[in-house]
Amino acid sequence: RKKKKEVSKEDFKKAYVNKISLLKRSCHENNAENVFTQFSNEMRGFLAKMLDIKYQFTYDELVNEIIVKKVEEGIKKDLIKFSNAMLEVGYRKKPNLKEIKELIEKGISVMKRF
């Protein structure tokens, strides 16, 4: 049996950046909350793989993971800022479109740094 082809880190990253970019383009007033939820899940999927986290973490837990893991300082700061922003928007009843798009932009720039 052939071993499953390992996806390179670069390809994995590219696929996620594309997925998230499409999500951003599909975001409008009527689906903003759904897009936020989807984006949140996709980001967690990406970060779980990149940071080798084996469980379904919250953004609170992510901040702890980032502190414990060996993550480059620059990325660490950005990730913590990003996680806090995700938490802040996630706690609100209705995140607005502009905020979500800005968060998605931040998410993409975080992804590209890995």
PDB file of N, CA and C in Angstrom:
ATOM      1  N   ARG A   1       0.841  -1.203   0.000  1.00  0.00           N
ATOM      2  CA  ARG A   1       0.000   0.000   0.000  1.00  0.00           C
ATOM      3  C   ARG A   1       0.869   1.243   0.000  1.00  0.00           C
ATOM      4  N   LYS A   2       0.513   2.183  -0.844  1.00  0.00           N
ATOM      5  CA  LYS A   2       1.302   3.417  -0.905  1.00  0.00           C
ATOM      6  C   LYS A   2       1.017   4.281   0.312  1.00  0.00           C
ATOM      7  N   LYS A   3       2.070   4.914   0.827  1.00  0.00           N
ATOM      8  CA  LYS A   3       1.887   5.840   1.940  1.00  0.00           C
ATOM      9  C   LYS A   3       1.225   7.099   1.412  1.00  0.00           C
ATOM     10  N   LYS A   4       0.321   7.661   2.219  1.00  0.00           N
ATOM     11  CA  LYS A   4      -0.341   8.888   1.790  1.00  0.00           C
ATOM     12  C   LYS A   4       0.703   9.978   1.586  1.00  0.00           C
ATOM     13  N   LYS A   5       0.589  10.667   0.469  1.00  0.00           N
ATOM     14  CA  LYS A   5       1.577  11.702   0.182  1.00  0.00           C
ATOM     15  C   LYS A   5       1.470  12.814   1.215  1.00  0.00           C
ATOM     16  N   GLU A   6       2.601  13.129   1.808  1.00  0.00           N
ATOM     17  CA  GLU A   6       2.634  14.217   2.775  1.00  0.00           C
ATOM     18  C   GLU A   6       2.473  15.540   2.032  1.00  0.00           C
ATOM     19  N   VAL A   7       1.574  16.368   2.515  1.00  0.00           N
ATOM     20  CA  VAL A   7       1.416  17.686   1.917  1.00  0.00           C
ATOM     21  C   VAL A   7       2.493  18.582   2.508  1.00  0.00           C
ATOM     22  N   SER A   8       3.227  19.269   1.666  1.00  0.00           N
ATOM     23  CA  SER A   8       4.277  20.139   2.191  1.00  0.00           C
ATOM     24  C   SER A   8       3.638  21.277   2.962  1.00  0.00           C
ATOM     25  N   LYS A   9       4.408  21.820   3.886  1.00  0.00           N
ATOM     26  CA  LYS A   9       3.937  22.924   4.712  1.00  0.00           C
ATOM     27  C   LYS A   9       3.509  24.093   3.819  1.00  0.00           C
ATOM     28  N   GLU A  10       4.288  24.344   2.781  1.00  0.00           N
ATOM     29  CA  GLU A  10       3.976  25.449   1.861  1.00  0.00           C
ATOM     30  C   GLU A  10       2.634  25.243   1.161  1.00  0.00           C
ATOM     31  N   ASP A  11       2.404  24.024   0.671  1.00  0.00           N
ATOM     32  CA  ASP A  11       1.149  23.729  -0.030  1.00  0.00           C
ATOM     33  C   ASP A  11      -0.033  23.829   0.922  1.00  0.00           C
ATOM     34  N   PHE A  12       0.174  23.323   2.119  1.00  0.00           N
ATOM     35  CA  PHE A  12      -0.868  23.364   3.143  1.00  0.00           C
ATOM     36  C   PHE A  12      -1.248  24.818   3.422  1.00  0.00           C
ATOM     37  N   LYS A  13      -0.202  25.629   3.590  1.00  0.00           N
ATOM     38  CA  LYS A  13      -0.399  27.044   3.883  1.00  0.00           C
ATOM     39  C   LYS A  13      -1.132  27.736   2.732  1.00  0.00           C
ATOM     40  N   LYS A  14      -0.670  27.477   1.510  1.00  0.00           N
ATOM     41  CA  LYS A  14      -1.275  28.088   0.333  1.00  0.00           C
ATOM     42  C   LYS A  14      -2.758  27.722   0.237  1.00  0.00           C
ATOM     43  N   ALA A  15      -3.067  26.460   0.461  1.00  0.00           N
ATOM     44  CA  ALA A  15      -4.453  25.991   0.380  1.00  0.00           C
ATOM     45  C   ALA A  15      -5.322  26.735   1.395  1.00  0.00           C
ATOM     46  N   TYR A  16      -4.806  26.895   2.600  1.00  0.00           N
ATOM     47  CA  TYR A  16      -5.572  27.589   3.637  1.00  0.00           C
ATOM     48  C   TYR A  16      -5.729  29.075   3.335  1.00  0.00           C
ATOM     49  N   VAL A  17      -4.661  29.702   2.881  1.00  0.00           N
ATOM     50  CA  VAL A  17      -4.740  31.126   2.539  1.00  0.00           C
ATOM     51  C   VAL A  17      -5.791  31.336   1.447  1.00  0.00           C
ATOM     52  N   ASN A  18      -5.809  30.439   0.454  1.00  0.00           N
ATOM     53  CA  ASN A  18      -6.812  30.535  -0.616  1.00  0.00           C
ATOM     54  C   ASN A  18      -8.231  30.364  -0.081  1.00  0.00           C
ATOM     55  N   LYS A  19      -8.393  29.351   0.780  1.00  0.00           N
ATOM     56  CA  LYS A  19      -9.693  29.067   1.372  1.00  0.00           C
ATOM     57  C   LYS A  19     -10.211  30.288   2.136  1.00  0.00           C
ATOM     58  N   ILE A  20      -9.337  30.892   2.923  1.00  0.00           N
ATOM     59  CA  ILE A  20      -9.708  32.040   3.751  1.00  0.00           C
ATOM     60  C   ILE A  20      -9.973  33.274   2.884  1.00  0.00           C
ATOM     61  N   SER A  21      -9.195  33.433   1.823  1.00  0.00           N
ATOM     62  CA  SER A  21      -9.418  34.562   0.905  1.00  0.00           C
ATOM     63  C   SER A  21     -10.786  34.462   0.242  1.00  0.00           C
ATOM     64  N   LEU A  22     -11.152  33.246  -0.147  1.00  0.00           N
ATOM     65  CA  LEU A  22     -12.475  33.024  -0.749  1.00  0.00           C
ATOM     66  C   LEU A  22     -13.567  33.343   0.263  1.00  0.00           C
ATOM     67  N   LEU A  23     -13.330  32.940   1.485  1.00  0.00           N
ATOM     68  CA  LEU A  23     -14.287  33.189   2.557  1.00  0.00           C
ATOM     69  C   LEU A  23     -14.502  34.697   2.726  1.00  0.00           C
ATOM     70  N   LYS A  24     -13.404  35.437   2.678  1.00  0.00           N
ATOM     71  CA  LYS A  24     -13.491  36.887   2.842  1.00  0.00           C
ATOM     72  C   LYS A  24     -14.323  37.499   1.718  1.00  0.00           C
ATOM     73  N   ARG A  25     -14.103  37.005   0.504  1.00  0.00           N
ATOM     74  CA  ARG A  25     -14.860  37.532  -0.636  1.00  0.00           C
ATOM     75  C   ARG A  25     -16.348  37.207  -0.528  1.00  0.00           C
ATOM     76  N   SER A  26     -16.659  36.087   0.121  1.00  0.00           N
ATOM     77  CA  SER A  26     -18.064  35.668   0.208  1.00  0.00           C
ATOM     78  C   SER A  26     -18.795  36.345   1.364  1.00  0.00           C
ATOM     79  N   CYS A  27     -18.086  37.141   2.137  1.00  0.00           N
ATOM     80  CA  CYS A  27     -18.654  37.733   3.342  1.00  0.00           C
ATOM     81  C   CYS A  27     -19.497  38.975   3.042  1.00  0.00           C
ATOM     82  N   HIS A  28     -20.765  38.946   3.436  1.00  0.00           N
ATOM     83  CA  HIS A  28     -21.614  40.139   3.324  1.00  0.00           C
ATOM     84  C   HIS A  28     -22.538  40.203   4.531  1.00  0.00           C
ATOM     85  N   GLU A  29     -23.321  41.267   4.624  1.00  0.00           N
ATOM     86  CA  GLU A  29     -24.166  41.499   5.812  1.00  0.00           C
ATOM     87  C   GLU A  29     -24.957  40.272   6.262  1.00  0.00           C
ATOM     88  N   ASN A  30     -25.599  39.600   5.309  1.00  0.00           N
ATOM     89  CA  ASN A  30     -26.505  38.497   5.672  1.00  0.00           C
ATOM     90  C   ASN A  30     -25.815  37.256   6.211  1.00  0.00           C
ATOM     91  N   ASN A  31     -24.534  37.069   5.885  1.00  0.00           N
ATOM     92  CA  ASN A  31     -23.896  35.832   6.323  1.00  0.00           C
ATOM     93  C   ASN A  31     -22.677  36.095   7.202  1.00  0.00           C
ATOM     94  N   ALA A  32     -22.535  37.325   7.667  1.00  0.00           N
ATOM     95  CA  ALA A  32     -21.328  37.710   8.421  1.00  0.00           C
ATOM     96  C   ALA A  32     -21.046  36.769   9.595  1.00  0.00           C
ATOM     97  N   GLU A  33     -22.092  36.438  10.368  1.00  0.00           N
ATOM     98  CA  GLU A  33     -21.877  35.575  11.530  1.00  0.00           C
ATOM     99  C   GLU A  33     -21.415  34.176  11.137  1.00  0.00           C
ATOM    100  N   ASN A  34     -22.035  33.640  10.093  1.00  0.00           N
ATOM    101  CA  ASN A  34     -21.627  32.316   9.605  1.00  0.00           C
ATOM    102  C   ASN A  34     -20.186  32.343   9.124  1.00  0.00           C
ATOM    103  N   VAL A  35     -19.849  33.392   8.391  1.00  0.00           N
ATOM    104  CA  VAL A  35     -18.489  33.513   7.876  1.00  0.00           C
ATOM    105  C   VAL A  35     -17.507  33.595   9.050  1.00  0.00           C
ATOM    106  N   PHE A  36     -17.867  34.353  10.066  1.00  0.00           N
ATOM    107  CA  PHE A  36     -16.995  34.474  11.237  1.00  0.00           C
ATOM    108  C   PHE A  36     -16.764  33.107  11.880  1.00  0.00           C
ATOM    109  N   THR A  37     -17.834  32.339  12.051  1.00  0.00           N
ATOM    110  CA  THR A  37     -17.733  31.007  12.654  1.00  0.00           C
ATOM    111  C   THR A  37     -16.859  30.094  11.796  1.00  0.00           C
ATOM    112  N   GLN A  38     -17.104  30.134  10.494  1.00  0.00           N
ATOM    113  CA  GLN A  38     -16.327  29.302   9.573  1.00  0.00           C
ATOM    114  C   GLN A  38     -14.852  29.697   9.610  1.00  0.00           C
ATOM    115  N   PHE A  39     -14.616  30.990   9.577  1.00  0.00           N
ATOM    116  CA  PHE A  39     -13.253  31.508   9.615  1.00  0.00           C
ATOM    117  C   PHE A  39     -12.557  31.080  10.908  1.00  0.00           C
ATOM    118  N   SER A  40     -13.276  31.216  12.008  1.00  0.00           N
ATOM    119  CA  SER A  40     -12.748  30.835  13.315  1.00  0.00           C
ATOM    120  C   SER A  40     -12.324  29.360  13.312  1.00  0.00           C
ATOM    121  N   ASN A  41     -13.174  28.504  12.763  1.00  0.00           N
ATOM    122  CA  ASN A  41     -12.869  27.075  12.695  1.00  0.00           C
ATOM    123  C   ASN A  41     -11.695  26.775  11.767  1.00  0.00           C
ATOM    124  N   GLU A  42     -11.685  27.434  10.614  1.00  0.00           N
ATOM    125  CA  GLU A  42     -10.585  27.226   9.660  1.00  0.00           C
ATOM    126  C   GLU A  42      -9.255  27.659  10.272  1.00  0.00           C
ATOM    127  N   MET A  43      -9.262  28.800  10.949  1.00  0.00           N
ATOM    128  CA  MET A  43      -8.040  29.300  11.582  1.00  0.00           C
ATOM    129  C   MET A  43      -7.551  28.315  12.631  1.00  0.00           C
ATOM    130  N   ARG A  44      -8.483  27.778  13.396  1.00  0.00           N
ATOM    131  CA  ARG A  44      -8.096  26.807  14.421  1.00  0.00           C
ATOM    132  C   ARG A  44      -7.513  25.553  13.790  1.00  0.00           C
ATOM    133  N   GLY A  45      -8.114  25.132  12.672  1.00  0.00           N
ATOM    134  CA  GLY A  45      -7.589  23.964  11.958  1.00  0.00           C
ATOM    135  C   GLY A  45      -6.160  24.212  11.487  1.00  0.00           C
ATOM    136  N   PHE A  46      -5.952  25.381  10.929  1.00  0.00           N
ATOM    137  CA  PHE A  46      -4.629  25.759  10.431  1.00  0.00           C
ATOM    138  C   PHE A  46      -3.616  25.802  11.577  1.00  0.00           C
ATOM    139  N   LEU A  47      -3.976  26.479  12.643  1.00  0.00           N
ATOM    140  CA  LEU A  47      -3.053  26.650  13.767  1.00  0.00           C
ATOM    141  C   LEU A  47      -2.796  25.341  14.501  1.00  0.00           C
ATOM    142  N   ALA A  48      -3.814  24.487  14.572  1.00  0.00           N
ATOM    143  CA  ALA A  48      -3.633  23.182  15.218  1.00  0.00           C
ATOM    144  C   ALA A  48      -2.532  22.411  14.506  1.00  0.00           C
ATOM    145  N   LYS A  49      -2.574  22.460  13.171  1.00  0.00           N
ATOM    146  CA  LYS A  49      -1.573  21.723  12.387  1.00  0.00           C
ATOM    147  C   LYS A  49      -0.201  22.395  12.510  1.00  0.00           C
ATOM    148  N   MET A  50      -0.162  23.702  12.352  1.00  0.00           N
ATOM    149  CA  MET A  50       1.108  24.405  12.379  1.00  0.00           C
ATOM    150  C   MET A  50       1.789  24.359  13.753  1.00  0.00           C
ATOM    151  N   LEU A  51       0.972  24.377  14.803  1.00  0.00           N
ATOM    152  CA  LEU A  51       1.529  24.402  16.155  1.00  0.00           C
ATOM    153  C   LEU A  51       1.489  23.028  16.816  1.00  0.00           C
ATOM    154  N   ASP A  52       1.013  22.031  16.041  1.00  0.00           N
ATOM    155  CA  ASP A  52       0.939  20.665  16.524  1.00  0.00           C
ATOM    156  C   ASP A  52       0.134  20.574  17.830  1.00  0.00           C
ATOM    157  N   ILE A  53      -1.088  21.073  17.783  1.00  0.00           N
ATOM    158  CA  ILE A  53      -1.988  20.989  18.931  1.00  0.00           C
ATOM    159  C   ILE A  53      -3.013  19.906  18.618  1.00  0.00           C
ATOM    160  N   LYS A  54      -3.136  18.947  19.517  1.00  0.00           N
ATOM    161  CA  LYS A  54      -3.909  17.744  19.191  1.00  0.00           C
ATOM    162  C   LYS A  54      -5.364  17.774  19.662  1.00  0.00           C
ATOM    163  N   TYR A  55      -5.815  18.888  20.203  1.00  0.00           N
ATOM    164  CA  TYR A  55      -7.201  18.908  20.674  1.00  0.00           C
ATOM    165  C   TYR A  55      -7.926  20.133  20.129  1.00  0.00           C
ATOM    166  N   GLN A  56      -9.240  20.136  20.274  1.00  0.00           N
ATOM    167  CA  GLN A  56     -10.075  21.266  19.834  1.00  0.00           C
ATOM    168  C   GLN A  56      -9.913  22.398  20.844  1.00  0.00           C
ATOM    169  N   PHE A  57      -9.094  23.349  20.549  1.00  0.00           N
ATOM    170  CA  PHE A  57      -8.815  24.403  21.527  1.00  0.00           C
ATOM    171  C   PHE A  57      -9.682  25.635  21.305  1.00  0.00           C
ATOM    172  N   THR A  58      -9.838  26.418  22.372  1.00  0.00           N
ATOM    173  CA  THR A  58     -10.499  27.714  22.266  1.00  0.00           C
ATOM    174  C   THR A  58      -9.394  28.742  22.032  1.00  0.00           C
ATOM    175  N   TYR A  59      -9.769  29.965  21.732  1.00  0.00           N
ATOM    176  CA  TYR A  59      -8.735  30.990  21.541  1.00  0.00           C
ATOM    177  C   TYR A  59      -8.045  31.334  22.862  1.00  0.00           C
ATOM    178  N   ASP A  60      -8.761  31.157  23.991  1.00  0.00           N
ATOM    179  CA  ASP A  60      -8.121  31.322  25.307  1.00  0.00           C
ATOM    180  C   ASP A  60      -6.997  30.308  25.472  1.00  0.00           C
ATOM    181  N   GLU A  61      -7.317  29.052  25.159  1.00  0.00           N
ATOM    182  CA  GLU A  61      -6.327  27.981  25.279  1.00  0.00           C
ATOM    183  C   GLU A  61      -5.185  28.189  24.296  1.00  0.00           C
ATOM    184  N   LEU A  62      -5.519  28.733  23.138  1.00  0.00           N
ATOM    185  CA  LEU A  62      -4.496  28.985  22.129  1.00  0.00           C
ATOM    186  C   LEU A  62      -3.423  29.925  22.668  1.00  0.00           C
ATOM    187  N   VAL A  63      -3.861  30.965  23.374  1.00  0.00           N
ATOM    188  CA  VAL A  63      -2.895  31.908  23.946  1.00  0.00           C
ATOM    189  C   VAL A  63      -1.921  31.161  24.860  1.00  0.00           C
ATOM    190  N   ASN A  64      -2.437  30.252  25.690  1.00  0.00           N
ATOM    191  CA  ASN A  64      -1.559  29.455  26.560  1.00  0.00           C
ATOM    192  C   ASN A  64      -0.621  28.574  25.759  1.00  0.00           C
ATOM    193  N   GLU A  65      -1.156  27.936  24.713  1.00  0.00           N
ATOM    194  CA  GLU A  65      -0.325  27.073  23.854  1.00  0.00           C
ATOM    195  C   GLU A  65       0.817  27.875  23.219  1.00  0.00           C
ATOM    196  N   ILE A  66       0.494  29.065  22.754  1.00  0.00           N
ATOM    197  CA  ILE A  66       1.488  29.899  22.074  1.00  0.00           C
ATOM    198  C   ILE A  66       2.620  30.243  23.038  1.00  0.00           C
ATOM    199  N   ILE A  67       2.244  30.485  24.298  1.00  0.00           N
ATOM    200  CA  ILE A  67       3.251  30.849  25.290  1.00  0.00           C
ATOM    201  C   ILE A  67       4.160  29.659  25.578  1.00  0.00           C
ATOM    202  N   VAL A  68       3.584  28.454  25.634  1.00  0.00           N
ATOM    203  CA  VAL A  68       4.351  27.249  25.953  1.00  0.00           C
ATOM    204  C   VAL A  68       5.182  26.755  24.766  1.00  0.00           C
ATOM    205  N   LYS A  69       4.612  26.847  23.568  1.00  0.00           N
ATOM    206  CA  LYS A  69       5.291  26.305  22.377  1.00  0.00           C
ATOM    207  C   LYS A  69       6.472  27.180  21.974  1.00  0.00           C
ATOM    208  N   LYS A  70       7.368  26.554  21.256  1.00  0.00           N
ATOM    209  CA  LYS A  70       8.510  27.311  20.727  1.00  0.00           C
ATOM    210  C   LYS A  70       8.052  28.001  19.445  1.00  0.00           C
ATOM    211  N   VAL A  71       7.514  29.186  19.599  1.00  0.00           N
ATOM    212  CA  VAL A  71       7.066  29.954  18.434  1.00  0.00           C
ATOM    213  C   VAL A  71       7.938  31.200  18.357  1.00  0.00           C
ATOM    214  N   GLU A  72       8.358  31.533  17.158  1.00  0.00           N
ATOM    215  CA  GLU A  72       9.183  32.718  16.935  1.00  0.00           C
ATOM    216  C   GLU A  72       8.484  33.949  17.546  1.00  0.00           C
ATOM    217  N   GLU A  73       9.264  34.781  18.229  1.00  0.00           N
ATOM    218  CA  GLU A  73       8.710  35.924  18.979  1.00  0.00           C
ATOM    219  C   GLU A  73       7.735  36.785  18.179  1.00  0.00           C
ATOM    220  N   GLY A  74       8.118  37.162  16.956  1.00  0.00           N
ATOM    221  CA  GLY A  74       7.277  38.020  16.131  1.00  0.00           C
ATOM    222  C   GLY A  74       5.913  37.396  15.875  1.00  0.00           C
ATOM    223  N   ILE A  75       5.926  36.121  15.509  1.00  0.00           N
ATOM    224  CA  ILE A  75       4.683  35.397  15.242  1.00  0.00           C
ATOM    225  C   ILE A  75       3.887  35.270  16.540  1.00  0.00           C
ATOM    226  N   LYS A  76       4.605  34.986  17.628  1.00  0.00           N
ATOM    227  CA  LYS A  76       3.955  34.821  18.935  1.00  0.00           C
ATOM    228  C   LYS A  76       3.138  36.063  19.281  1.00  0.00           C
ATOM    229  N   LYS A  77       3.742  37.233  19.158  1.00  0.00           N
ATOM    230  CA  LYS A  77       3.038  38.491  19.474  1.00  0.00           C
ATOM    231  C   LYS A  77       1.813  38.663  18.598  1.00  0.00           C
ATOM    232  N   ASP A  78       1.982  38.441  17.288  1.00  0.00           N
ATOM    233  CA  ASP A  78       0.867  38.573  16.343  1.00  0.00           C
ATOM    234  C   ASP A  78      -0.259  37.593  16.656  1.00  0.00           C
ATOM    235  N   LEU A  79       0.127  36.368  16.989  1.00  0.00           N
ATOM    236  CA  LEU A  79      -0.864  35.336  17.276  1.00  0.00           C
ATOM    237  C   LEU A  79      -1.661  35.663  18.532  1.00  0.00           C
ATOM    238  N   ILE A  80      -0.978  36.178  19.531  1.00  0.00           N
ATOM    239  CA  ILE A  80      -1.666  36.526  20.774  1.00  0.00           C
ATOM    240  C   ILE A  80      -2.630  37.677  20.509  1.00  0.00           C
ATOM    241  N   LYS A  81      -2.165  38.660  19.750  1.00  0.00           N
ATOM    242  CA  LYS A  81      -3.031  39.789  19.392  1.00  0.00           C
ATOM    243  C   LYS A  81      -4.245  39.294  18.596  1.00  0.00           C
ATOM    244  N   PHE A  82      -3.976  38.415  17.645  1.00  0.00           N
ATOM    245  CA  PHE A  82      -5.038  37.852  16.811  1.00  0.00           C
ATOM    246  C   PHE A  82      -6.042  37.074  17.665  1.00  0.00           C
ATOM    247  N   SER A  83      -5.541  36.225  18.557  1.00  0.00           N
ATOM    248  CA  SER A  83      -6.420  35.416  19.415  1.00  0.00           C
ATOM    249  C   SER A  83      -7.304  36.300  20.274  1.00  0.00           C
ATOM    250  N   ASN A  84      -6.709  37.353  20.829  1.00  0.00           N
ATOM    251  CA  ASN A  84      -7.492  38.270  21.658  1.00  0.00           C
ATOM    252  C   ASN A  84      -8.568  38.982  20.846  1.00  0.00           C
ATOM    253  N   ALA A  85      -8.223  39.367  19.609  1.00  0.00           N
ATOM    254  CA  ALA A  85      -9.200  40.006  18.730  1.00  0.00           C
ATOM    255  C   ALA A  85     -10.341  39.040  18.398  1.00  0.00           C
ATOM    256  N   MET A  86     -10.002  37.776  18.150  1.00  0.00           N
ATOM    257  CA  MET A  86     -11.018  36.764  17.851  1.00  0.00           C
ATOM    258  C   MET A  86     -11.955  36.596  19.046  1.00  0.00           C
ATOM    259  N   LEU A  87     -11.379  36.570  20.234  1.00  0.00           N
ATOM    260  CA  LEU A  87     -12.193  36.419  21.445  1.00  0.00           C
ATOM    261  C   LEU A  87     -13.133  37.595  21.602  1.00  0.00           C
ATOM    262  N   GLU A  88     -12.580  38.771  21.417  1.00  0.00           N
ATOM    263  CA  GLU A  88     -13.360  39.998  21.589  1.00  0.00           C
ATOM    264  C   GLU A  88     -14.565  40.013  20.641  1.00  0.00           C
ATOM    265  N   VAL A  89     -14.305  39.748  19.375  1.00  0.00           N
ATOM    266  CA  VAL A  89     -15.382  39.761  18.391  1.00  0.00           C
ATOM    267  C   VAL A  89     -16.345  38.597  18.635  1.00  0.00           C
ATOM    268  N   GLY A  90     -15.793  37.455  19.018  1.00  0.00           N
ATOM    269  CA  GLY A  90     -16.617  36.272  19.267  1.00  0.00           C
ATOM    270  C   GLY A  90     -17.597  36.452  20.414  1.00  0.00           C
ATOM    271  N   TYR A  91     -17.230  37.281  21.378  1.00  0.00           N
ATOM    272  CA  TYR A  91     -18.109  37.494  22.538  1.00  0.00           C
ATOM    273  C   TYR A  91     -19.265  38.417  22.230  1.00  0.00           C
ATOM    274  N   ARG A  92     -19.140  39.205  21.164  1.00  0.00           N
ATOM    275  CA  ARG A  92     -20.200  40.143  20.832  1.00  0.00           C
ATOM    276  C   ARG A  92     -21.388  39.437  20.231  1.00  0.00           C
ATOM    277  N   LYS A  93     -22.554  40.034  20.434  1.00  0.00           N
ATOM    278  CA  LYS A  93     -23.772  39.414  19.888  1.00  0.00           C
ATOM    279  C   LYS A  93     -23.693  39.364  18.365  1.00  0.00           C
ATOM    280  N   LYS A  94     -23.449  40.514  17.756  1.00  0.00           N
ATOM    281  CA  LYS A  94     -23.377  40.528  16.295  1.00  0.00           C
ATOM    282  C   LYS A  94     -22.122  41.244  15.822  1.00  0.00           C
ATOM    283  N   PRO A  95     -21.125  40.454  15.459  1.00  0.00           N
ATOM    284  CA  PRO A  95     -19.918  41.094  14.933  1.00  0.00           C
ATOM    285  C   PRO A  95     -20.255  41.794  13.619  1.00  0.00           C
ATOM    286  N   ASN A  96     -19.676  42.981  13.382  1.00  0.00           N
ATOM    287  CA  ASN A  96     -20.019  43.648  12.128  1.00  0.00           C
ATOM    288  C   ASN A  96     -19.087  43.254  10.994  1.00  0.00           C
ATOM    289  N   LEU A  97     -19.578  43.500   9.803  1.00  0.00           N
ATOM    290  CA  LEU A  97     -18.914  43.074   8.578  1.00  0.00           C
ATOM    291  C   LEU A  97     -17.473  43.583   8.485  1.00  0.00           C
ATOM    292  N   LYS A  98     -17.302  44.866   8.777  1.00  0.00           N
ATOM    293  CA  LYS A  98     -15.988  45.488   8.659  1.00  0.00           C
ATOM    294  C   LYS A  98     -14.997  44.784   9.601  1.00  0.00           C
ATOM    295  N   GLU A  99     -15.427  44.531  10.817  1.00  0.00           N
ATOM    296  CA  GLU A  99     -14.577  43.853  11.804  1.00  0.00           C
ATOM    297  C   GLU A  99     -14.171  42.466  11.329  1.00  0.00           C
ATOM    298  N   ILE A 100     -15.146  41.757  10.812  1.00  0.00           N
ATOM    299  CA  ILE A 100     -14.873  40.387  10.368  1.00  0.00           C
ATOM    300  C   ILE A 100     -13.872  40.396   9.228  1.00  0.00           C
ATOM    301  N   LYS A 101     -14.064  41.297   8.281  1.00  0.00           N
ATOM    302  CA  LYS A 101     -13.129  41.369   7.150  1.00  0.00           C
ATOM    303  C   LYS A 101     -11.723  41.740   7.625  1.00  0.00           C
ATOM    304  N   GLU A 102     -11.649  42.655   8.586  1.00  0.00           N
ATOM    305  CA  GLU A 102     -10.341  43.024   9.139  1.00  0.00           C
ATOM    306  C   GLU A 102      -9.682  41.846   9.845  1.00  0.00           C
ATOM    307  N   LEU A 103     -10.485  41.097  10.596  1.00  0.00           N
ATOM    308  CA  LEU A 103      -9.955  39.911  11.278  1.00  0.00           C
ATOM    309  C   LEU A 103      -9.441  38.889  10.272  1.00  0.00           C
ATOM    310  N   ILE A 104     -10.196  38.708   9.198  1.00  0.00           N
ATOM    311  CA  ILE A 104      -9.788  37.745   8.177  1.00  0.00           C
ATOM    312  C   ILE A 104      -8.465  38.194   7.550  1.00  0.00           C
ATOM    313  N   GLU A 105      -8.335  39.499   7.306  1.00  0.00           N
ATOM    314  CA  GLU A 105      -7.071  40.044   6.797  1.00  0.00           C
ATOM    315  C   GLU A 105      -5.923  39.710   7.756  1.00  0.00           C
ATOM    316  N   LYS A 106      -6.159  39.957   9.044  1.00  0.00           N
ATOM    317  CA  LYS A 106      -5.152  39.655  10.064  1.00  0.00           C
ATOM    318  C   LYS A 106      -4.812  38.173  10.061  1.00  0.00           C
ATOM    319  N   GLY A 107      -5.856  37.366   9.941  1.00  0.00           N
ATOM    320  CA  GLY A 107      -5.653  35.917   9.916  1.00  0.00           C
ATOM    321  C   GLY A 107      -4.767  35.495   8.766  1.00  0.00           C
ATOM    322  N   ILE A 108      -5.017  36.066   7.603  1.00  0.00           N
ATOM    323  CA  ILE A 108      -4.224  35.733   6.415  1.00  0.00           C
ATOM    324  C   ILE A 108      -2.768  36.153   6.628  1.00  0.00           C
ATOM    325  N   SER A 109      -2.565  37.331   7.205  1.00  0.00           N
ATOM    326  CA  SER A 109      -1.164  37.760   7.378  1.00  0.00           C
ATOM    327  C   SER A 109      -0.463  36.910   8.438  1.00  0.00           C
ATOM    328  N   VAL A 110      -1.209  36.427   9.439  1.00  0.00           N
ATOM    329  CA  VAL A 110      -0.629  35.504  10.417  1.00  0.00           C
ATOM    330  C   VAL A 110      -0.237  34.195   9.723  1.00  0.00           C
ATOM    331  N   MET A 111      -1.133  33.678   8.895  1.00  0.00           N
ATOM    332  CA  MET A 111      -0.851  32.422   8.182  1.00  0.00           C
ATOM    333  C   MET A 111       0.419  32.513   7.347  1.00  0.00           C
ATOM    334  N   LYS A 112       0.555  33.634   6.653  1.00  0.00           N
ATOM    335  CA  LYS A 112       1.682  33.788   5.726  1.00  0.00           C
ATOM    336  C   LYS A 112       3.017  33.822   6.460  1.00  0.00           C
ATOM    337  N   ARG A 113       2.988  34.113   7.757  1.00  0.00           N
ATOM    338  CA  ARG A 113       4.245  34.202   8.496  1.00  0.00           C
ATOM    339  C   ARG A 113       4.794  32.853   8.942  1.00  0.00           C
ATOM    340  N   PHE A 114       3.986  31.809   8.838  1.00  0.00           N
ATOM    341  CA  PHE A 114       4.478  30.499   9.267  1.00  0.00           C
ATOM    342  C   PHE A 114       5.458  29.895   8.279  1.00  0.00           C
TER     343      PHE A 114
END
